[in-house]
Amino acid sequence: MARFAVRVTENFIEELACIESERIVARFQMILESLCGNPSMGSRNANDQIERLYGPGLYTYAVAAYEVIYRYDGTTVEFLGLTLLPPSKG
């Protein structure tokens, strides 16, 4: 599996540190490793609010109740932040 350069913003680190569940943090670690090897597995459908905050060219990937926000330019995976997903209806 190809590996890419990885950049993690201070914002991402701070938001990840707020998650108290060890189980969810472990899931994040597993998913982040997967994204580093295959960054295109995320969704390119970031909503307008996220694009206004982080700029264009984003990927998102859902993990538990959160969405990882990152950018991939072909050589570098840059983890930018996390957002809470809206509660599911139903």
PDB file of N, CA and C in Angstrom:
ATOM      1  N   MET A   1       0.848  -1.173   0.000  1.00  0.00           N
ATOM      2  CA  MET A   1       0.000   0.000   0.000  1.00  0.00           C
ATOM      3  C   MET A   1       0.896   1.239   0.000  1.00  0.00           C
ATOM      4  N   ALA A   2       0.598   2.196  -0.844  1.00  0.00           N
ATOM      5  CA  ALA A   2       1.375   3.428  -0.928  1.00  0.00           C
ATOM      6  C   ALA A   2       1.215   4.235   0.355  1.00  0.00           C
ATOM      7  N   ARG A   3       2.275   4.913   0.740  1.00  0.00           N
ATOM      8  CA  ARG A   3       2.236   5.812   1.894  1.00  0.00           C
ATOM      9  C   ARG A   3       2.517   7.214   1.381  1.00  0.00           C
ATOM     10  N   PHE A   4       1.890   8.173   1.991  1.00  0.00           N
ATOM     11  CA  PHE A   4       2.020   9.559   1.585  1.00  0.00           C
ATOM     12  C   PHE A   4       2.546  10.376   2.760  1.00  0.00           C
ATOM     13  N   ALA A   5       3.096  11.554   2.458  1.00  0.00           N
ATOM     14  CA  ALA A   5       3.487  12.459   3.534  1.00  0.00           C
ATOM     15  C   ALA A   5       2.230  12.832   4.314  1.00  0.00           C
ATOM     16  N   VAL A   6       2.388  13.020   5.616  1.00  0.00           N
ATOM     17  CA  VAL A   6       1.245  13.325   6.472  1.00  0.00           C
ATOM     18  C   VAL A   6       1.529  14.607   7.250  1.00  0.00           C
ATOM     19  N   ARG A   7       0.524  15.468   7.284  1.00  0.00           N
ATOM     20  CA  ARG A   7       0.594  16.682   8.089  1.00  0.00           C
ATOM     21  C   ARG A   7      -0.645  16.706   8.970  1.00  0.00           C
ATOM     22  N   VAL A   8      -0.460  16.994  10.247  1.00  0.00           N
ATOM     23  CA  VAL A   8      -1.570  17.055  11.192  1.00  0.00           C
ATOM     24  C   VAL A   8      -1.576  18.449  11.801  1.00  0.00           C
ATOM     25  N   THR A   9      -2.679  19.166  11.650  1.00  0.00           N
ATOM     26  CA  THR A   9      -2.746  20.524  12.172  1.00  0.00           C
ATOM     27  C   THR A   9      -2.962  20.516  13.683  1.00  0.00           C
ATOM     28  N   GLU A  10      -2.575  21.606  14.309  1.00  0.00           N
ATOM     29  CA  GLU A  10      -2.796  21.777  15.747  1.00  0.00           C
ATOM     30  C   GLU A  10      -4.282  21.681  16.070  1.00  0.00           C
ATOM     31  N   ASN A  11      -5.106  22.238  15.204  1.00  0.00           N
ATOM     32  CA  ASN A  11      -6.561  22.183  15.387  1.00  0.00           C
ATOM     33  C   ASN A  11      -7.040  20.736  15.465  1.00  0.00           C
ATOM     34  N   PHE A  12      -6.562  19.887  14.572  1.00  0.00           N
ATOM     35  CA  PHE A  12      -6.962  18.474  14.569  1.00  0.00           C
ATOM     36  C   PHE A  12      -6.546  17.801  15.871  1.00  0.00           C
ATOM     37  N   ILE A  13      -5.320  18.055  16.306  1.00  0.00           N
ATOM     38  CA  ILE A  13      -4.818  17.451  17.539  1.00  0.00           C
ATOM     39  C   ILE A  13      -5.672  17.882  18.730  1.00  0.00           C
ATOM     40  N   GLU A  14      -6.001  19.160  18.804  1.00  0.00           N
ATOM     41  CA  GLU A  14      -6.814  19.670  19.908  1.00  0.00           C
ATOM     42  C   GLU A  14      -8.212  19.050  19.911  1.00  0.00           C
ATOM     43  N   GLU A  15      -8.817  18.934  18.733  1.00  0.00           N
ATOM     44  CA  GLU A  15     -10.159  18.360  18.659  1.00  0.00           C
ATOM     45  C   GLU A  15     -10.148  16.874  18.997  1.00  0.00           C
ATOM     46  N   LEU A  16      -9.141  16.153  18.549  1.00  0.00           N
ATOM     47  CA  LEU A  16      -9.034  14.724  18.866  1.00  0.00           C
ATOM     48  C   LEU A  16      -8.809  14.521  20.365  1.00  0.00           C
ATOM     49  N   ALA A  17      -8.063  15.411  20.984  1.00  0.00           N
ATOM     50  CA  ALA A  17      -7.790  15.305  22.426  1.00  0.00           C
ATOM     51  C   ALA A  17      -9.052  15.475  23.269  1.00  0.00           C
ATOM     52  N   CYS A  18     -10.083  16.081  22.717  1.00  0.00           N
ATOM     53  CA  CYS A  18     -11.341  16.284  23.455  1.00  0.00           C
ATOM     54  C   CYS A  18     -12.196  15.020  23.526  1.00  0.00           C
ATOM     55  N   ILE A  19     -11.872  14.020  22.729  1.00  0.00           N
ATOM     56  CA  ILE A  19     -12.656  12.778  22.726  1.00  0.00           C
ATOM     57  C   ILE A  19     -12.222  11.933  23.911  1.00  0.00           C
ATOM     58  N   GLU A  20     -13.166  11.616  24.775  1.00  0.00           N
ATOM     59  CA  GLU A  20     -12.859  10.917  26.017  1.00  0.00           C
ATOM     60  C   GLU A  20     -12.932   9.397  25.906  1.00  0.00           C
ATOM     61  N   SER A  21     -13.614   8.885  24.914  1.00  0.00           N
ATOM     62  CA  SER A  21     -13.771   7.442  24.779  1.00  0.00           C
ATOM     63  C   SER A  21     -12.505   6.813  24.186  1.00  0.00           C
ATOM     64  N   GLU A  22     -11.870   5.944  24.960  1.00  0.00           N
ATOM     65  CA  GLU A  22     -10.675   5.250  24.476  1.00  0.00           C
ATOM     66  C   GLU A  22     -10.999   4.381  23.264  1.00  0.00           C
ATOM     67  N   ARG A  23     -12.197   3.808  23.251  1.00  0.00           N
ATOM     68  CA  ARG A  23     -12.618   2.956  22.134  1.00  0.00           C
ATOM     69  C   ARG A  23     -12.701   3.772  20.844  1.00  0.00           C
ATOM     70  N   ILE A  24     -13.269   4.969  20.927  1.00  0.00           N
ATOM     71  CA  ILE A  24     -13.394   5.809  19.726  1.00  0.00           C
ATOM     72  C   ILE A  24     -12.026   6.332  19.296  1.00  0.00           C
ATOM     73  N   VAL A  25     -11.174   6.693  20.246  1.00  0.00           N
ATOM     74  CA  VAL A  25      -9.822   7.143  19.899  1.00  0.00           C
ATOM     75  C   VAL A  25      -9.061   6.021  19.198  1.00  0.00           C
ATOM     76  N   ALA A  26      -9.211   4.796  19.676  1.00  0.00           N
ATOM     77  CA  ALA A  26      -8.554   3.650  19.023  1.00  0.00           C
ATOM     78  C   ALA A  26      -9.077   3.475  17.601  1.00  0.00           C
ATOM     79  N   ARG A  27     -10.378   3.680  17.419  1.00  0.00           N
ATOM     80  CA  ARG A  27     -10.954   3.600  16.075  1.00  0.00           C
ATOM     81  C   ARG A  27     -10.381   4.675  15.171  1.00  0.00           C
ATOM     82  N   PHE A  28     -10.224   5.886  15.721  1.00  0.00           N
ATOM     83  CA  PHE A  28      -9.610   6.970  14.956  1.00  0.00           C
ATOM     84  C   PHE A  28      -8.205   6.585  14.516  1.00  0.00           C
ATOM     85  N   GLN A  29      -7.413   6.034  15.403  1.00  0.00           N
ATOM     86  CA  GLN A  29      -6.045   5.656  15.058  1.00  0.00           C
ATOM     87  C   GLN A  29      -6.029   4.674  13.894  1.00  0.00           C
ATOM     88  N   MET A  30      -6.920   3.698  13.938  1.00  0.00           N
ATOM     89  CA  MET A  30      -6.998   2.705  12.879  1.00  0.00           C
ATOM     90  C   MET A  30      -7.409   3.355  11.546  1.00  0.00           C
ATOM     91  N   ILE A  31      -8.424   4.214  11.595  1.00  0.00           N
ATOM     92  CA  ILE A  31      -8.904   4.871  10.370  1.00  0.00           C
ATOM     93  C   ILE A  31      -7.865   5.834   9.816  1.00  0.00           C
ATOM     94  N   LEU A  32      -7.201   6.591  10.682  1.00  0.00           N
ATOM     95  CA  LEU A  32      -6.183   7.535  10.204  1.00  0.00           C
ATOM     96  C   LEU A  32      -5.050   6.797   9.511  1.00  0.00           C
ATOM     97  N   GLU A  33      -4.649   5.650  10.038  1.00  0.00           N
ATOM     98  CA  GLU A  33      -3.628   4.842   9.367  1.00  0.00           C
ATOM     99  C   GLU A  33      -4.111   4.394   7.996  1.00  0.00           C
ATOM    100  N   SER A  34      -5.370   3.997   7.906  1.00  0.00           N
ATOM    101  CA  SER A  34      -5.932   3.585   6.615  1.00  0.00           C
ATOM    102  C   SER A  34      -5.968   4.757   5.635  1.00  0.00           C
ATOM    103  N   LEU A  35      -6.367   5.920   6.124  1.00  0.00           N
ATOM    104  CA  LEU A  35      -6.429   7.103   5.250  1.00  0.00           C
ATOM    105  C   LEU A  35      -5.048   7.515   4.764  1.00  0.00           C
ATOM    106  N   CYS A  36      -4.032   7.310   5.584  1.00  0.00           N
ATOM    107  CA  CYS A  36      -2.667   7.627   5.157  1.00  0.00           C
ATOM    108  C   CYS A  36      -2.212   6.720   4.022  1.00  0.00           C
ATOM    109  N   GLY A  37      -2.715   5.501   3.978  1.00  0.00           N
ATOM    110  CA  GLY A  37      -2.365   4.565   2.916  1.00  0.00           C
ATOM    111  C   GLY A  37      -3.261   4.665   1.704  1.00  0.00           C
ATOM    112  N   ASN A  38      -4.493   5.134   1.900  1.00  0.00           N
ATOM    113  CA  ASN A  38      -5.466   5.233   0.813  1.00  0.00           C
ATOM    114  C   ASN A  38      -6.347   6.470   1.030  1.00  0.00           C
ATOM    115  N   PRO A  39      -5.790   7.666   0.842  1.00  0.00           N
ATOM    116  CA  PRO A  39      -6.523   8.888   1.172  1.00  0.00           C
ATOM    117  C   PRO A  39      -7.766   9.128   0.326  1.00  0.00           C
ATOM    118  N   SER A  40      -7.840   8.528  -0.834  1.00  0.00           N
ATOM    119  CA  SER A  40      -9.010   8.766  -1.684  1.00  0.00           C
ATOM    120  C   SER A  40     -10.234   7.983  -1.233  1.00  0.00           C
ATOM    121  N   MET A  41     -10.131   7.197  -0.138  1.00  0.00           N
ATOM    122  CA  MET A  41     -11.294   6.430   0.322  1.00  0.00           C
ATOM    123  C   MET A  41     -12.332   7.306   1.013  1.00  0.00           C
ATOM    124  N   GLY A  42     -12.007   8.548   1.317  1.00  0.00           N
ATOM    125  CA  GLY A  42     -12.972   9.464   1.923  1.00  0.00           C
ATOM    126  C   GLY A  42     -13.927  10.032   0.890  1.00  0.00           C
ATOM    127  N   SER A  43     -14.881  10.786   1.372  1.00  0.00           N
ATOM    128  CA  SER A  43     -15.876  11.419   0.508  1.00  0.00           C
ATOM    129  C   SER A  43     -15.419  12.810   0.093  1.00  0.00           C
ATOM    130  N   ARG A  44     -15.699  13.181  -1.142  1.00  0.00           N
ATOM    131  CA  ARG A  44     -15.384  14.533  -1.627  1.00  0.00           C
ATOM    132  C   ARG A  44     -16.554  15.482  -1.420  1.00  0.00           C
ATOM    133  N   ASN A  45     -17.591  15.061  -0.726  1.00  0.00           N
ATOM    134  CA  ASN A  45     -18.814  15.849  -0.569  1.00  0.00           C
ATOM    135  C   ASN A  45     -18.855  16.612   0.749  1.00  0.00           C
ATOM    136  N   ALA A  46     -17.857  17.459   0.998  1.00  0.00           N
ATOM    137  CA  ALA A  46     -17.873  18.294   2.206  1.00  0.00           C
ATOM    138  C   ALA A  46     -18.966  19.345   2.052  1.00  0.00           C
ATOM    139  N   ASN A  47     -19.668  19.621   3.152  1.00  0.00           N
ATOM    140  CA  ASN A  47     -20.733  20.611   3.053  1.00  0.00           C
ATOM    141  C   ASN A  47     -20.159  22.028   2.958  1.00  0.00           C
ATOM    142  N   ASP A  48     -21.014  22.973   2.594  1.00  0.00           N
ATOM    143  CA  ASP A  48     -20.579  24.354   2.369  1.00  0.00           C
ATOM    144  C   ASP A  48     -19.939  24.977   3.600  1.00  0.00           C
ATOM    145  N   GLN A  49     -20.491  24.695   4.781  1.00  0.00           N
ATOM    146  CA  GLN A  49     -19.958  25.269   6.011  1.00  0.00           C
ATOM    147  C   GLN A  49     -18.519  24.789   6.252  1.00  0.00           C
ATOM    148  N   ILE A  50     -18.262  23.530   6.019  1.00  0.00           N
ATOM    149  CA  ILE A  50     -16.918  22.982   6.197  1.00  0.00           C
ATOM    150  C   ILE A  50     -15.966  23.586   5.169  1.00  0.00           C
ATOM    151  N   GLU A  51     -16.426  23.731   3.931  1.00  0.00           N
ATOM    152  CA  GLU A  51     -15.569  24.337   2.899  1.00  0.00           C
ATOM    153  C   GLU A  51     -15.262  25.801   3.200  1.00  0.00           C
ATOM    154  N   ARG A  52     -16.233  26.523   3.766  1.00  0.00           N
ATOM    155  CA  ARG A  52     -15.956  27.916   4.147  1.00  0.00           C
ATOM    156  C   ARG A  52     -14.891  27.974   5.241  1.00  0.00           C
ATOM    157  N   LEU A  53     -14.925  27.024   6.142  1.00  0.00           N
ATOM    158  CA  LEU A  53     -13.988  27.007   7.258  1.00  0.00           C
ATOM    159  C   LEU A  53     -12.587  26.544   6.842  1.00  0.00           C
ATOM    160  N   TYR A  54     -12.502  25.509   6.022  1.00  0.00           N
ATOM    161  CA  TYR A  54     -11.214  24.891   5.696  1.00  0.00           C
ATOM    162  C   TYR A  54     -10.748  25.103   4.258  1.00  0.00           C
ATOM    163  N   GLY A  55     -11.607  25.612   3.400  1.00  0.00           N
ATOM    164  CA  GLY A  55     -11.233  25.829   2.007  1.00  0.00           C
ATOM    165  C   GLY A  55     -11.669  24.679   1.106  1.00  0.00           C
ATOM    166  N   PRO A  56     -11.417  24.814  -0.189  1.00  0.00           N
ATOM    167  CA  PRO A  56     -11.852  23.798  -1.160  1.00  0.00           C
ATOM    168  C   PRO A  56     -10.913  22.585  -1.182  1.00  0.00           C
ATOM    169  N   GLY A  57     -11.344  21.574  -1.900  1.00  0.00           N
ATOM    170  CA  GLY A  57     -10.518  20.391  -2.117  1.00  0.00           C
ATOM    171  C   GLY A  57     -10.450  19.454  -0.936  1.00  0.00           C
ATOM    172  N   LEU A  58     -11.543  19.360  -0.188  1.00  0.00           N
ATOM    173  CA  LEU A  58     -11.555  18.564   1.037  1.00  0.00           C
ATOM    174  C   LEU A  58     -12.086  17.158   0.828  1.00  0.00           C
ATOM    175  N   TYR A  59     -11.687  16.305   1.731  1.00  0.00           N
ATOM    176  CA  TYR A  59     -12.262  14.971   1.882  1.00  0.00           C
ATOM    177  C   TYR A  59     -12.824  14.889   3.294  1.00  0.00           C
ATOM    178  N   THR A  60     -13.820  14.049   3.473  1.00  0.00           N
ATOM    179  CA  THR A  60     -14.336  13.772   4.810  1.00  0.00           C
ATOM    180  C   THR A  60     -14.483  12.261   4.966  1.00  0.00           C
ATOM    181  N   TYR A  61     -14.415  11.820   6.224  1.00  0.00           N
ATOM    182  CA  TYR A  61     -14.578  10.404   6.509  1.00  0.00           C
ATOM    183  C   TYR A  61     -15.233  10.272   7.875  1.00  0.00           C
ATOM    184  N   ALA A  62     -16.355   9.571   7.940  1.00  0.00           N
ATOM    185  CA  ALA A  62     -17.102   9.425   9.191  1.00  0.00           C
ATOM    186  C   ALA A  62     -16.468   8.355  10.078  1.00  0.00           C
ATOM    187  N   VAL A  63     -16.300   8.713  11.354  1.00  0.00           N
ATOM    188  CA  VAL A  63     -15.806   7.789  12.373  1.00  0.00           C
ATOM    189  C   VAL A  63     -16.682   7.998  13.606  1.00  0.00           C
ATOM    190  N   ALA A  64     -17.463   6.984  13.936  1.00  0.00           N
ATOM    191  CA  ALA A  64     -18.412   7.080  15.057  1.00  0.00           C
ATOM    192  C   ALA A  64     -19.309   8.301  14.820  1.00  0.00           C
ATOM    193  N   ALA A  65     -19.397   9.193  15.782  1.00  0.00           N
ATOM    194  CA  ALA A  65     -20.274  10.377  15.655  1.00  0.00           C
ATOM    195  C   ALA A  65     -19.528  11.573  15.087  1.00  0.00           C
ATOM    196  N   TYR A  66     -18.327  11.357  14.545  1.00  0.00           N
ATOM    197  CA  TYR A  66     -17.474  12.443  14.064  1.00  0.00           C
ATOM    198  C   TYR A  66     -17.186  12.301  12.575  1.00  0.00           C
ATOM    199  N   GLU A  67     -16.739  13.396  12.019  1.00  0.00           N
ATOM    200  CA  GLU A  67     -16.301  13.392  10.632  1.00  0.00           C
ATOM    201  C   GLU A  67     -14.887  13.970  10.596  1.00  0.00           C
ATOM    202  N   VAL A  68     -13.957  13.191  10.055  1.00  0.00           N
ATOM    203  CA  VAL A  68     -12.581  13.649   9.869  1.00  0.00           C
ATOM    204  C   VAL A  68     -12.563  14.539   8.630  1.00  0.00           C
ATOM    205  N   ILE A  69     -11.951  15.692   8.749  1.00  0.00           N
ATOM    206  CA  ILE A  69     -11.833  16.609   7.622  1.00  0.00           C
ATOM    207  C   ILE A  69     -10.353  16.648   7.237  1.00  0.00           C
ATOM    208  N   TYR A  70     -10.084  16.346   5.973  1.00  0.00           N
ATOM    209  CA  TYR A  70      -8.692  16.331   5.531  1.00  0.00           C
ATOM    210  C   TYR A  70      -8.587  16.737   4.070  1.00  0.00           C
ATOM    211  N   ARG A  71      -7.366  17.033   3.677  1.00  0.00           N
ATOM    212  CA  ARG A  71      -7.071  17.405   2.296  1.00  0.00           C
ATOM    213  C   ARG A  71      -5.988  16.452   1.798  1.00  0.00           C
ATOM    214  N   TYR A  72      -6.098  16.102   0.538  1.00  0.00           N
ATOM    215  CA  TYR A  72      -5.112  15.225  -0.095  1.00  0.00           C
ATOM    216  C   TYR A  72      -4.794  15.811  -1.457  1.00  0.00           C
ATOM    217  N   ASP A  73      -3.516  16.124  -1.689  1.00  0.00           N
ATOM    218  CA  ASP A  73      -3.125  16.780  -2.940  1.00  0.00           C
ATOM    219  C   ASP A  73      -2.360  15.866  -3.900  1.00  0.00           C
ATOM    220  N   GLY A  74      -2.361  14.579  -3.616  1.00  0.00           N
ATOM    221  CA  GLY A  74      -1.638  13.630  -4.472  1.00  0.00           C
ATOM    222  C   GLY A  74      -0.328  13.173  -3.845  1.00  0.00           C
ATOM    223  N   THR A  75       0.229  13.974  -2.933  1.00  0.00           N
ATOM    224  CA  THR A  75       1.472  13.596  -2.264  1.00  0.00           C
ATOM    225  C   THR A  75       1.383  13.696  -0.744  1.00  0.00           C
ATOM    226  N   THR A  76       0.485  14.560  -0.239  1.00  0.00           N
ATOM    227  CA  THR A  76       0.387  14.806   1.203  1.00  0.00           C
ATOM    228  C   THR A  76      -1.053  14.676   1.674  1.00  0.00           C
ATOM    229  N   VAL A  77      -1.231  14.015   2.808  1.00  0.00           N
ATOM    230  CA  VAL A  77      -2.522  13.947   3.477  1.00  0.00           C
ATOM    231  C   VAL A  77      -2.428  14.912   4.658  1.00  0.00           C
ATOM    232  N   GLU A  78      -3.312  15.902   4.679  1.00  0.00           N
ATOM    233  CA  GLU A  78      -3.300  16.916   5.735  1.00  0.00           C
ATOM    234  C   GLU A  78      -4.593  16.816   6.537  1.00  0.00           C
ATOM    235  N   PHE A  79      -4.493  16.389   7.791  1.00  0.00           N
ATOM    236  CA  PHE A  79      -5.651  16.282   8.661  1.00  0.00           C
ATOM    237  C   PHE A  79      -5.919  17.647   9.284  1.00  0.00           C
ATOM    238  N   LEU A  80      -7.116  18.180   9.022  1.00  0.00           N
ATOM    239  CA  LEU A  80      -7.434  19.555   9.376  1.00  0.00           C
ATOM    240  C   LEU A  80      -8.298  19.700  10.612  1.00  0.00           C
ATOM    241  N   GLY A  81      -9.295  18.845  10.782  1.00  0.00           N
ATOM    242  CA  GLY A  81     -10.196  18.992  11.917  1.00  0.00           C
ATOM    243  C   GLY A  81     -11.200  17.879  11.993  1.00  0.00           C
ATOM    244  N   LEU A  82     -12.054  17.990  13.010  1.00  0.00           N
ATOM    245  CA  LEU A  82     -13.141  17.052  13.245  1.00  0.00           C
ATOM    246  C   LEU A  82     -14.426  17.847  13.431  1.00  0.00           C
ATOM    247  N   THR A  83     -15.526  17.271  13.007  1.00  0.00           N
ATOM    248  CA  THR A  83     -16.829  17.842  13.313  1.00  0.00           C
ATOM    249  C   THR A  83     -17.725  16.737  13.845  1.00  0.00           C
ATOM    250  N   LEU A  84     -18.691  17.127  14.623  1.00  0.00           N
ATOM    251  CA  LEU A  84     -19.703  16.164  15.057  1.00  0.00           C
ATOM    252  C   LEU A  84     -20.696  15.988  13.936  1.00  0.00           C
ATOM    253  N   LEU A  85     -21.053  14.769  13.664  1.00  0.00           N
ATOM    254  CA  LEU A  85     -22.094  14.501  12.662  1.00  0.00           C
ATOM    255  C   LEU A  85     -23.444  14.824  13.281  1.00  0.00           C
ATOM    256  N   PRO A  86     -24.394  15.285  12.469  1.00  0.00           N
ATOM    257  CA  PRO A  86     -25.737  15.522  13.020  1.00  0.00           C
ATOM    258  C   PRO A  86     -26.357  14.194  13.441  1.00  0.00           C
ATOM    259  N   PRO A  87     -27.208  14.239  14.465  1.00  0.00           N
ATOM    260  CA  PRO A  87     -27.866  12.997  14.880  1.00  0.00           C
ATOM    261  C   PRO A  87     -28.701  12.408  13.749  1.00  0.00           C
ATOM    262  N   SER A  88     -28.705  11.092  13.664  1.00  0.00           N
ATOM    263  CA  SER A  88     -29.497  10.451  12.617  1.00  0.00           C
ATOM    264  C   SER A  88     -30.982  10.595  12.939  1.00  0.00           C
ATOM    265  N   LYS A  89     -31.750  10.743  11.893  1.00  0.00           N
ATOM    266  CA  LYS A  89     -33.211  10.876  12.052  1.00  0.00           C
ATOM    267  C   LYS A  89     -33.821   9.506  11.968  1.00  0.00           C
ATOM    268  N   GLY A  90     -34.669   9.203  12.881  1.00  0.00           N
ATOM    269  CA  GLY A  90     -35.335   7.928  12.776  1.00  0.00           C
ATOM    270  C   GLY A  90     -35.541   7.322  14.035  1.00  0.00           C
TER     271      GLY A  90
END
